[in-house]
PDB file of N, CA and C in Angstrom:
ATOM      1  N   MET A   1      22.907-147.683  36.131  1.00  0.00           N
ATOM      2  CA  MET A   1      24.304-147.852  35.789  1.00  0.00           C
ATOM      3  C   MET A   1      25.074-148.317  37.020  1.00  0.00           C
ATOM      4  N   LEU A   2      26.121-149.120  36.830  1.00  0.00           N
ATOM      5  CA  LEU A   2      26.878-149.680  37.943  1.00  0.00           C
ATOM      6  C   LEU A   2      27.558-148.619  38.790  1.00  0.00           C
ATOM      7  N   ALA A   3      27.850-147.459  38.226  1.00  0.00           N
ATOM      8  CA  ALA A   3      28.512-146.397  38.981  1.00  0.00           C
ATOM      9  C   ALA A   3      27.647-145.892  40.126  1.00  0.00           C
ATOM     10  N   ARG A   4      26.339-146.083  40.070  1.00  0.00           N
ATOM     11  CA  ARG A   4      25.440-145.630  41.133  1.00  0.00           C
ATOM     12  C   ARG A   4      25.497-146.521  42.362  1.00  0.00           C
ATOM     13  N   LEU A   5      26.009-147.715  42.232  1.00  0.00           N
ATOM     14  CA  LEU A   5      26.110-148.625  43.363  1.00  0.00           C
ATOM     15  C   LEU A   5      27.292-148.248  44.240  1.00  0.00           C
ATOM     16  N   GLN A   6      27.301-148.741  45.454  1.00  0.00           N
ATOM     17  CA  GLN A   6      28.461-148.530  46.311  1.00  0.00           C
ATOM     18  C   GLN A   6      29.682-149.114  45.617  1.00  0.00           C
ATOM     19  N   LYS A   7      30.677-148.301  45.398  1.00  0.00           N
ATOM     20  CA  LYS A   7      31.869-148.770  44.683  1.00  0.00           C
ATOM     21  C   LYS A   7      32.556-149.923  45.402  1.00  0.00           C
ATOM     22  N   SER A   8      32.385-150.017  46.702  1.00  0.00           N
ATOM     23  CA  SER A   8      33.017-151.104  47.446  1.00  0.00           C
ATOM     24  C   SER A   8      32.387-152.458  47.134  1.00  0.00           C
ATOM     25  N   ARG A   9      31.248-152.480  46.441  1.00  0.00           N
ATOM     26  CA  ARG A   9      30.574-153.736  46.089  1.00  0.00           C
ATOM     27  C   ARG A   9      30.695-154.068  44.607  1.00  0.00           C
ATOM     28  N   VAL A  10      31.340-153.227  43.804  1.00  0.00           N
ATOM     29  CA  VAL A  10      31.532-153.473  42.374  1.00  0.00           C
ATOM     30  C   VAL A  10      32.931-154.055  42.186  1.00  0.00           C
ATOM     31  N   TRP A  11      32.993-155.211  41.513  1.00  0.00           N
ATOM     32  CA  TRP A  11      34.249-155.944  41.381  1.00  0.00           C
ATOM     33  C   TRP A  11      34.616-156.167  39.921  1.00  0.00           C
ATOM     34  N   PRO A  12      35.909-156.052  39.588  1.00  0.00           N
ATOM     35  CA  PRO A  12      36.365-156.257  38.206  1.00  0.00           C
ATOM     36  C   PRO A  12      36.537-157.740  37.881  1.00  0.00           C
ATOM     37  N   ASP A  13      36.981-157.981  36.657  1.00  0.00           N
ATOM     38  CA  ASP A  13      37.307-159.328  36.185  1.00  0.00           C
ATOM     39  C   ASP A  13      38.259-160.005  37.182  1.00  0.00           C
ATOM     40  N   HIS A  14      38.263-161.300  37.202  1.00  0.00           N
ATOM     41  CA  HIS A  14      39.107-162.126  38.077  1.00  0.00           C
ATOM     42  C   HIS A  14      38.639-162.117  39.530  1.00  0.00           C
ATOM     43  N   THR A  15      37.383-161.755  39.763  1.00  0.00           N
ATOM     44  CA  THR A  15      36.788-161.892  41.094  1.00  0.00           C
ATOM     45  C   THR A  15      35.904-163.134  41.053  1.00  0.00           C
ATOM     46  N   GLY A  16      36.209-164.111  41.877  1.00  0.00           N
ATOM     47  CA  GLY A  16      35.506-165.382  41.825  1.00  0.00           C
ATOM     48  C   GLY A  16      34.387-165.510  42.842  1.00  0.00           C
ATOM     49  N   TYR A  17      33.379-166.291  42.458  1.00  0.00           N
ATOM     50  CA  TYR A  17      32.240-166.606  43.318  1.00  0.00           C
ATOM     51  C   TYR A  17      32.051-168.115  43.313  1.00  0.00           C
ATOM     52  N   ARG A  18      32.095-168.735  44.478  1.00  0.00           N
ATOM     53  CA  ARG A  18      31.878-170.170  44.582  1.00  0.00           C
ATOM     54  C   ARG A  18      30.378-170.424  44.714  1.00  0.00           C
ATOM     55  N   ILE A  19      29.828-171.153  43.745  1.00  0.00           N
ATOM     56  CA  ILE A  19      28.400-171.470  43.720  1.00  0.00           C
ATOM     57  C   ILE A  19      28.254-172.977  43.657  1.00  0.00           C
ATOM     58  N   ALA A  20      27.628-173.566  44.671  1.00  0.00           N
ATOM     59  CA  ALA A  20      27.439-175.013  44.761  1.00  0.00           C
ATOM     60  C   ALA A  20      28.793-175.710  44.594  1.00  0.00           C
ATOM     61  N   GLN A  21      28.920-176.611  43.625  1.00  0.00           N
ATOM     62  CA  GLN A  21      30.163-177.356  43.431  1.00  0.00           C
ATOM     63  C   GLN A  21      31.136-176.665  42.472  1.00  0.00           C
ATOM     64  N   GLY A  22      30.725-175.536  41.873  1.00  0.00           N
ATOM     65  CA  GLY A  22      31.575-174.838  40.913  1.00  0.00           C
ATOM     66  C   GLY A  22      31.821-173.397  41.313  1.00  0.00           C
ATOM     67  N   TRP A  23      32.214-172.611  40.337  1.00  0.00           N
ATOM     68  CA  TRP A  23      32.451-171.197  40.577  1.00  0.00           C
ATOM     69  C   TRP A  23      32.304-170.429  39.278  1.00  0.00           C
ATOM     70  N   ILE A  24      32.104-169.096  39.397  1.00  0.00           N
ATOM     71  CA  ILE A  24      32.061-168.213  38.233  1.00  0.00           C
ATOM     72  C   ILE A  24      33.033-167.069  38.454  1.00  0.00           C
ATOM     73  N   GLU A  25      33.467-166.466  37.367  1.00  0.00           N
ATOM     74  CA  GLU A  25      34.380-165.324  37.405  1.00  0.00           C
ATOM     75  C   GLU A  25      33.922-164.324  36.343  1.00  0.00           C
ATOM     76  N   PRO A  26      32.901-163.504  36.652  1.00  0.00           N
ATOM     77  CA  PRO A  26      32.344-162.588  35.660  1.00  0.00           C
ATOM     78  C   PRO A  26      33.300-161.456  35.282  1.00  0.00           C
ATOM     79  N   ASP A  27      32.989-160.788  34.149  1.00  0.00           N
ATOM     80  CA  ASP A  27      33.774-159.618  33.730  1.00  0.00           C
ATOM     81  C   ASP A  27      33.640-158.489  34.742  1.00  0.00           C
ATOM     82  N   VAL A  28      32.423-158.266  35.215  1.00  0.00           N
ATOM     83  CA  VAL A  28      32.115-157.272  36.244  1.00  0.00           C
ATOM     84  C   VAL A  28      31.057-157.887  37.141  1.00  0.00           C
ATOM     85  N   SER A  29      31.138-157.633  38.440  1.00  0.00           N
ATOM     86  CA  SER A  29      30.120-158.173  39.343  1.00  0.00           C
ATOM     87  C   SER A  29      29.816-157.183  40.457  1.00  0.00           C
ATOM     88  N   VAL A  30      28.666-157.397  41.071  1.00  0.00           N
ATOM     89  CA  VAL A  30      28.250-156.616  42.231  1.00  0.00           C
ATOM     90  C   VAL A  30      27.934-157.624  43.328  1.00  0.00           C
ATOM     91  N   SER A  31      28.602-157.497  44.452  1.00  0.00           N
ATOM     92  CA  SER A  31      28.371-158.421  45.561  1.00  0.00           C
ATOM     93  C   SER A  31      27.167-157.976  46.390  1.00  0.00           C
ATOM     94  N   TRP A  32      26.633-158.896  47.163  1.00  0.00           N
ATOM     95  CA  TRP A  32      25.551-158.592  48.093  1.00  0.00           C
ATOM     96  C   TRP A  32      26.123-157.755  49.235  1.00  0.00           C
ATOM     97  N   PRO A  33      25.320-156.939  49.897  1.00  0.00           N
ATOM     98  CA  PRO A  33      25.825-156.156  51.037  1.00  0.00           C
ATOM     99  C   PRO A  33      26.432-157.039  52.138  1.00  0.00           C
ATOM    100  N   ASP A  34      25.888-158.228  52.340  1.00  0.00           N
ATOM    101  CA  ASP A  34      26.375-159.125  53.391  1.00  0.00           C
ATOM    102  C   ASP A  34      27.076-160.362  52.818  1.00  0.00           C
ATOM    103  N   GLN A  35      27.671-160.225  51.640  1.00  0.00           N
ATOM    104  CA  GLN A  35      28.308-161.359  50.948  1.00  0.00           C
ATOM    105  C   GLN A  35      29.450-161.937  51.783  1.00  0.00           C
ATOM    106  N   ARG A  36      29.381-163.227  52.030  1.00  0.00           N
ATOM    107  CA  ARG A  36      30.460-163.904  52.755  1.00  0.00           C
ATOM    108  C   ARG A  36      31.585-164.252  51.779  1.00  0.00           C
ATOM    109  N   ARG A  37      32.790-164.416  52.325  1.00  0.00           N
ATOM    110  CA  ARG A  37      33.927-164.810  51.488  1.00  0.00           C
ATOM    111  C   ARG A  37      34.918-165.610  52.304  1.00  0.00           C
ATOM    112  N   ASP A  38      35.721-166.382  51.587  1.00  0.00           N
ATOM    113  CA  ASP A  38      36.811-167.078  52.243  1.00  0.00           C
ATOM    114  C   ASP A  38      38.114-166.430  51.786  1.00  0.00           C
ATOM    115  N   GLU A  39      39.227-167.109  51.943  1.00  0.00           N
ATOM    116  CA  GLU A  39      40.516-166.502  51.576  1.00  0.00           C
ATOM    117  C   GLU A  39      40.715-166.352  50.068  1.00  0.00           C
ATOM    118  N   LYS A  40      39.903-167.045  49.246  1.00  0.00           N
ATOM    119  CA  LYS A  40      40.095-167.003  47.796  1.00  0.00           C
ATOM    120  C   LYS A  40      38.978-166.308  47.026  1.00  0.00           C
ATOM    121  N   CYS A  41      37.731-166.456  47.460  1.00  0.00           N
ATOM    122  CA  CYS A  41      36.631-165.923  46.674  1.00  0.00           C
ATOM    123  C   CYS A  41      35.390-165.689  47.528  1.00  0.00           C
ATOM    124  N   PHE A  42      34.386-165.079  46.892  1.00  0.00           N
ATOM    125  CA  PHE A  42      33.101-164.901  47.554  1.00  0.00           C
ATOM    126  C   PHE A  42      32.372-166.236  47.593  1.00  0.00           C
ATOM    127  N   LEU A  43      31.487-166.389  48.555  1.00  0.00           N
ATOM    128  CA  LEU A  43      30.698-167.612  48.695  1.00  0.00           C
ATOM    129  C   LEU A  43      29.272-167.320  48.258  1.00  0.00           C
ATOM    130  N   GLY A  44      28.759-168.099  47.333  1.00  0.00           N
ATOM    131  CA  GLY A  44      27.425-167.886  46.794  1.00  0.00           C
ATOM    132  C   GLY A  44      27.446-166.973  45.582  1.00  0.00           C
ATOM    133  N   SER A  45      26.285-166.789  45.010  1.00  0.00           N
ATOM    134  CA  SER A  45      26.180-165.982  43.784  1.00  0.00           C
ATOM    135  C   SER A  45      26.335-164.501  44.080  1.00  0.00           C
ATOM    136  N   PRO A  46      26.802-163.721  43.098  1.00  0.00           N
ATOM    137  CA  PRO A  46      26.808-162.274  43.249  1.00  0.00           C
ATOM    138  C   PRO A  46      25.387-161.744  43.082  1.00  0.00           C
ATOM    139  N   LYS A  47      25.180-160.493  43.389  1.00  0.00           N
ATOM    140  CA  LYS A  47      23.875-159.866  43.145  1.00  0.00           C
ATOM    141  C   LYS A  47      23.695-159.649  41.641  1.00  0.00           C
ATOM    142  N   ILE A  48      24.767-159.197  40.973  1.00  0.00           N
ATOM    143  CA  ILE A  48      24.760-158.984  39.522  1.00  0.00           C
ATOM    144  C   ILE A  48      26.081-159.509  38.956  1.00  0.00           C
ATOM    145  N   ALA A  49      26.006-160.235  37.854  1.00  0.00           N
ATOM    146  CA  ALA A  49      27.195-160.714  37.150  1.00  0.00           C
ATOM    147  C   ALA A  49      27.069-160.335  35.683  1.00  0.00           C
ATOM    148  N   VAL A  50      28.079-159.668  35.139  1.00  0.00           N
ATOM    149  CA  VAL A  50      28.090-159.287  33.726  1.00  0.00           C
ATOM    150  C   VAL A  50      29.197-160.081  33.050  1.00  0.00           C
ATOM    151  N   GLU A  51      28.822-160.804  31.989  1.00  0.00           N
ATOM    152  CA  GLU A  51      29.767-161.672  31.294  1.00  0.00           C
ATOM    153  C   GLU A  51      29.417-161.741  29.818  1.00  0.00           C
ATOM    154  N   ARG A  52      30.359-161.389  28.976  1.00  0.00           N
ATOM    155  CA  ARG A  52      30.217-161.511  27.520  1.00  0.00           C
ATOM    156  C   ARG A  52      28.914-160.943  26.999  1.00  0.00           C
ATOM    157  N   LYS A  53      28.658-159.713  27.341  1.00  0.00           N
ATOM    158  CA  LYS A  53      27.522-158.934  26.825  1.00  0.00           C
ATOM    159  C   LYS A  53      26.154-159.418  27.294  1.00  0.00           C
ATOM    160  N   THR A  54      26.114-160.160  28.387  1.00  0.00           N
ATOM    161  CA  THR A  54      24.852-160.472  29.055  1.00  0.00           C
ATOM    162  C   THR A  54      25.039-160.206  30.546  1.00  0.00           C
ATOM    163  N   MET A  55      23.936-159.979  31.214  1.00  0.00           N
ATOM    164  CA  MET A  55      23.959-159.710  32.636  1.00  0.00           C
ATOM    165  C   MET A  55      23.058-160.736  33.320  1.00  0.00           C
ATOM    166  N   THR A  56      23.546-161.311  34.396  1.00  0.00           N
ATOM    167  CA  THR A  56      22.741-162.229  35.190  1.00  0.00           C
ATOM    168  C   THR A  56      22.462-161.551  36.520  1.00  0.00           C
ATOM    169  N   VAL A  57      21.184-161.477  36.863  1.00  0.00           N
ATOM    170  CA  VAL A  57      20.775-160.827  38.099  1.00  0.00           C
ATOM    171  C   VAL A  57      20.236-161.908  39.025  1.00  0.00           C
ATOM    172  N   TYR A  58      20.762-161.939  40.231  1.00  0.00           N
ATOM    173  CA  TYR A  58      20.321-162.898  41.233  1.00  0.00           C
ATOM    174  C   TYR A  58      19.506-162.150  42.283  1.00  0.00           C
ATOM    175  N   SER A  59      18.389-162.703  42.668  1.00  0.00           N
ATOM    176  CA  SER A  59      17.581-162.100  43.726  1.00  0.00           C
ATOM    177  C   SER A  59      17.198-163.185  44.721  1.00  0.00           C
ATOM    178  N   LYS A  60      16.919-162.752  45.931  1.00  0.00           N
ATOM    179  CA  LYS A  60      16.559-163.700  46.979  1.00  0.00           C
ATOM    180  C   LYS A  60      15.073-163.565  47.283  1.00  0.00           C
ATOM    181  N   ARG A  61      14.400-164.699  47.332  1.00  0.00           N
ATOM    182  CA  ARG A  61      12.998-164.742  47.718  1.00  0.00           C
ATOM    183  C   ARG A  61      12.872-165.848  48.758  1.00  0.00           C
ATOM    184  N   HIS A  62      12.653-165.442  49.992  1.00  0.00           N
ATOM    185  CA  HIS A  62      12.633-166.378  51.123  1.00  0.00           C
ATOM    186  C   HIS A  62      14.003-167.052  51.186  1.00  0.00           C
ATOM    187  N   ASP A  63      14.090-168.347  51.110  1.00  0.00           N
ATOM    188  CA  ASP A  63      15.383-169.054  51.145  1.00  0.00           C
ATOM    189  C   ASP A  63      15.859-169.468  49.763  1.00  0.00           C
ATOM    190  N   GLU A  64      15.214-168.952  48.734  1.00  0.00           N
ATOM    191  CA  GLU A  64      15.517-169.348  47.357  1.00  0.00           C
ATOM    192  C   GLU A  64      16.232-168.217  46.611  1.00  0.00           C
ATOM    193  N   VAL A  65      17.221-168.573  45.790  1.00  0.00           N
ATOM    194  CA  VAL A  65      17.904-167.599  44.930  1.00  0.00           C
ATOM    195  C   VAL A  65      17.338-167.751  43.525  1.00  0.00           C
ATOM    196  N   ILE A  66      16.861-166.643  42.967  1.00  0.00           N
ATOM    197  CA  ILE A  66      16.279-166.623  41.627  1.00  0.00           C
ATOM    198  C   ILE A  66      17.332-166.071  40.669  1.00  0.00           C
ATOM    199  N   ARG A  67      17.557-166.766  39.551  1.00  0.00           N
ATOM    200  CA  ARG A  67      18.552-166.368  38.539  1.00  0.00           C
ATOM    201  C   ARG A  67      17.814-165.881  37.304  1.00  0.00           C
ATOM    202  N   ARG A  68      18.162-164.660  36.835  1.00  0.00           N
ATOM    203  CA  ARG A  68      17.513-164.089  35.652  1.00  0.00           C
ATOM    204  C   ARG A  68      18.568-163.530  34.700  1.00  0.00           C
ATOM    205  N   VAL A  69      18.577-164.022  33.455  1.00  0.00           N
ATOM    206  CA  VAL A  69      19.533-163.555  32.444  1.00  0.00           C
ATOM    207  C   VAL A  69      18.905-162.401  31.674  1.00  0.00           C
ATOM    208  N   VAL A  70      19.663-161.305  31.556  1.00  0.00           N
ATOM    209  CA  VAL A  70      19.191-160.086  30.904  1.00  0.00           C
ATOM    210  C   VAL A  70      20.134-159.787  29.748  1.00  0.00           C
ATOM    211  N   ASP A  71      19.567-159.558  28.547  1.00  0.00           N
ATOM    212  CA  ASP A  71      20.442-159.256  27.408  1.00  0.00           C
ATOM    213  C   ASP A  71      20.353-157.800  26.957  1.00  0.00           C
ATOM    214  N   ARG A  72      19.431-157.021  27.527  1.00  0.00           N
ATOM    215  CA  ARG A  72      19.311-155.606  27.143  1.00  0.00           C
ATOM    216  C   ARG A  72      19.325-154.668  28.336  1.00  0.00           C
ATOM    217  N   GLU A  73      18.267-154.717  29.146  1.00  0.00           N
ATOM    218  CA  GLU A  73      18.130-153.748  30.226  1.00  0.00           C
ATOM    219  C   GLU A  73      17.431-154.385  31.419  1.00  0.00           C
ATOM    220  N   TYR A  74      17.828-153.946  32.609  1.00  0.00           N
ATOM    221  CA  TYR A  74      17.218-154.446  33.841  1.00  0.00           C
ATOM    222  C   TYR A  74      16.905-153.268  34.745  1.00  0.00           C
ATOM    223  N   ARG A  75      15.713-153.236  35.271  1.00  0.00           N
ATOM    224  CA  ARG A  75      15.287-152.186  36.200  1.00  0.00           C
ATOM    225  C   ARG A  75      15.235-152.766  37.604  1.00  0.00           C
ATOM    226  N   SER A  76      16.047-152.214  38.492  1.00  0.00           N
ATOM    227  CA  SER A  76      16.094-152.667  39.872  1.00  0.00           C
ATOM    228  C   SER A  76      15.294-151.718  40.746  1.00  0.00           C
ATOM    229  N   ASP A  77      14.429-152.282  41.557  1.00  0.00           N
ATOM    230  CA  ASP A  77      13.659-151.490  42.510  1.00  0.00           C
ATOM    231  C   ASP A  77      14.098-151.742  43.944  1.00  0.00           C
ATOM    232  N   SER A  78      15.199-152.436  44.126  1.00  0.00           N
ATOM    233  CA  SER A  78      15.635-152.735  45.488  1.00  0.00           C
ATOM    234  C   SER A  78      16.113-151.469  46.182  1.00  0.00           C
ATOM    235  N   VAL A  79      16.048-151.474  47.472  1.00  0.00           N
ATOM    236  CA  VAL A  79      16.395-150.300  48.270  1.00  0.00           C
ATOM    237  C   VAL A  79      17.859-149.903  48.093  1.00  0.00           C
ATOM    238  N   ASP A  80      18.745-150.883  47.972  1.00  0.00           N
ATOM    239  CA  ASP A  80      20.167-150.560  47.894  1.00  0.00           C
ATOM    240  C   ASP A  80      20.663-150.287  46.475  1.00  0.00           C
ATOM    241  N   ALA A  81      19.821-150.444  45.448  1.00  0.00           N
ATOM    242  CA  ALA A  81      20.282-150.215  44.075  1.00  0.00           C
ATOM    243  C   ALA A  81      19.118-149.868  43.153  1.00  0.00           C
ATOM    244  N   GLN A  82      18.447-148.761  43.417  1.00  0.00           N
ATOM    245  CA  GLN A  82      17.351-148.354  42.536  1.00  0.00           C
ATOM    246  C   GLN A  82      17.965-147.726  41.291  1.00  0.00           C
ATOM    247  N   ALA A  83      17.908-148.456  40.192  1.00  0.00           N
ATOM    248  CA  ALA A  83      18.531-147.981  38.966  1.00  0.00           C
ATOM    249  C   ALA A  83      18.112-148.852  37.793  1.00  0.00           C
ATOM    250  N   THR A  84      18.384-148.345  36.592  1.00  0.00           N
ATOM    251  CA  THR A  84      18.200-149.122  35.381  1.00  0.00           C
ATOM    252  C   THR A  84      19.583-149.448  34.851  1.00  0.00           C
ATOM    253  N   PHE A  85      19.825-150.723  34.586  1.00  0.00           N
ATOM    254  CA  PHE A  85      21.107-151.183  34.094  1.00  0.00           C
ATOM    255  C   PHE A  85      20.969-151.580  32.644  1.00  0.00           C
ATOM    256  N   SER A  86      21.773-150.992  31.773  1.00  0.00           N
ATOM    257  CA  SER A  86      21.767-151.301  30.359  1.00  0.00           C
ATOM    258  C   SER A  86      23.040-152.074  30.024  1.00  0.00           C
ATOM    259  N   VAL A  87      22.888-153.246  29.441  1.00  0.00           N
ATOM    260  CA  VAL A  87      24.040-154.047  29.072  1.00  0.00           C
ATOM    261  C   VAL A  87      24.904-153.296  28.061  1.00  0.00           C
ATOM    262  N   ALA A  88      24.278-152.603  27.113  1.00  0.00           N
ATOM    263  CA  ALA A  88      25.022-151.844  26.101  1.00  0.00           C
ATOM    264  C   ALA A  88      25.880-150.755  26.743  1.00  0.00           C
ATOM    265  N   GLU A  89      25.366-150.056  27.748  1.00  0.00           N
ATOM    266  CA  GLU A  89      26.128-149.000  28.432  1.00  0.00           C
ATOM    267  C   GLU A  89      27.356-149.569  29.119  1.00  0.00           C
ATOM    268  N   ILE A  90      27.218-150.737  29.702  1.00  0.00           N
ATOM    269  CA  ILE A  90      28.353-151.343  30.425  1.00  0.00           C
ATOM    270  C   ILE A  90      29.495-151.638  29.471  1.00  0.00           C
ATOM    271  N   PHE A  91      29.188-152.049  28.238  1.00  0.00           N
ATOM    272  CA  PHE A  91      30.236-152.428  27.295  1.00  0.00           C
ATOM    273  C   PHE A  91      30.624-151.317  26.332  1.00  0.00           C
ATOM    274  N   ASP A  92      30.054-150.108  26.480  1.00  0.00           N
ATOM    275  CA  ASP A  92      30.455-148.963  25.634  1.00  0.00           C
ATOM    276  C   ASP A  92      31.814-148.448  26.026  1.00  0.00           C
TER     277      ASP A  92
END
């Protein structure tokens, strides 16, 4: 559940992320621990983005960012967020 994450990294609606030539503004997002930002928004993808009853999880492998869309549940084994995230719980 998102409440288990550091609250300082959980962001509400209207938080923008600039990705390549565009940007996203998820309903709820979780930033990376070292997420860079400018005066208007975060730079790069969030760690987790929840939008319209789906969750997109971004992970880093070497210099590559992997994007995975989750419609039910996601189990994170990372050191900073060991938890199971249920899309249904977020929207209850």
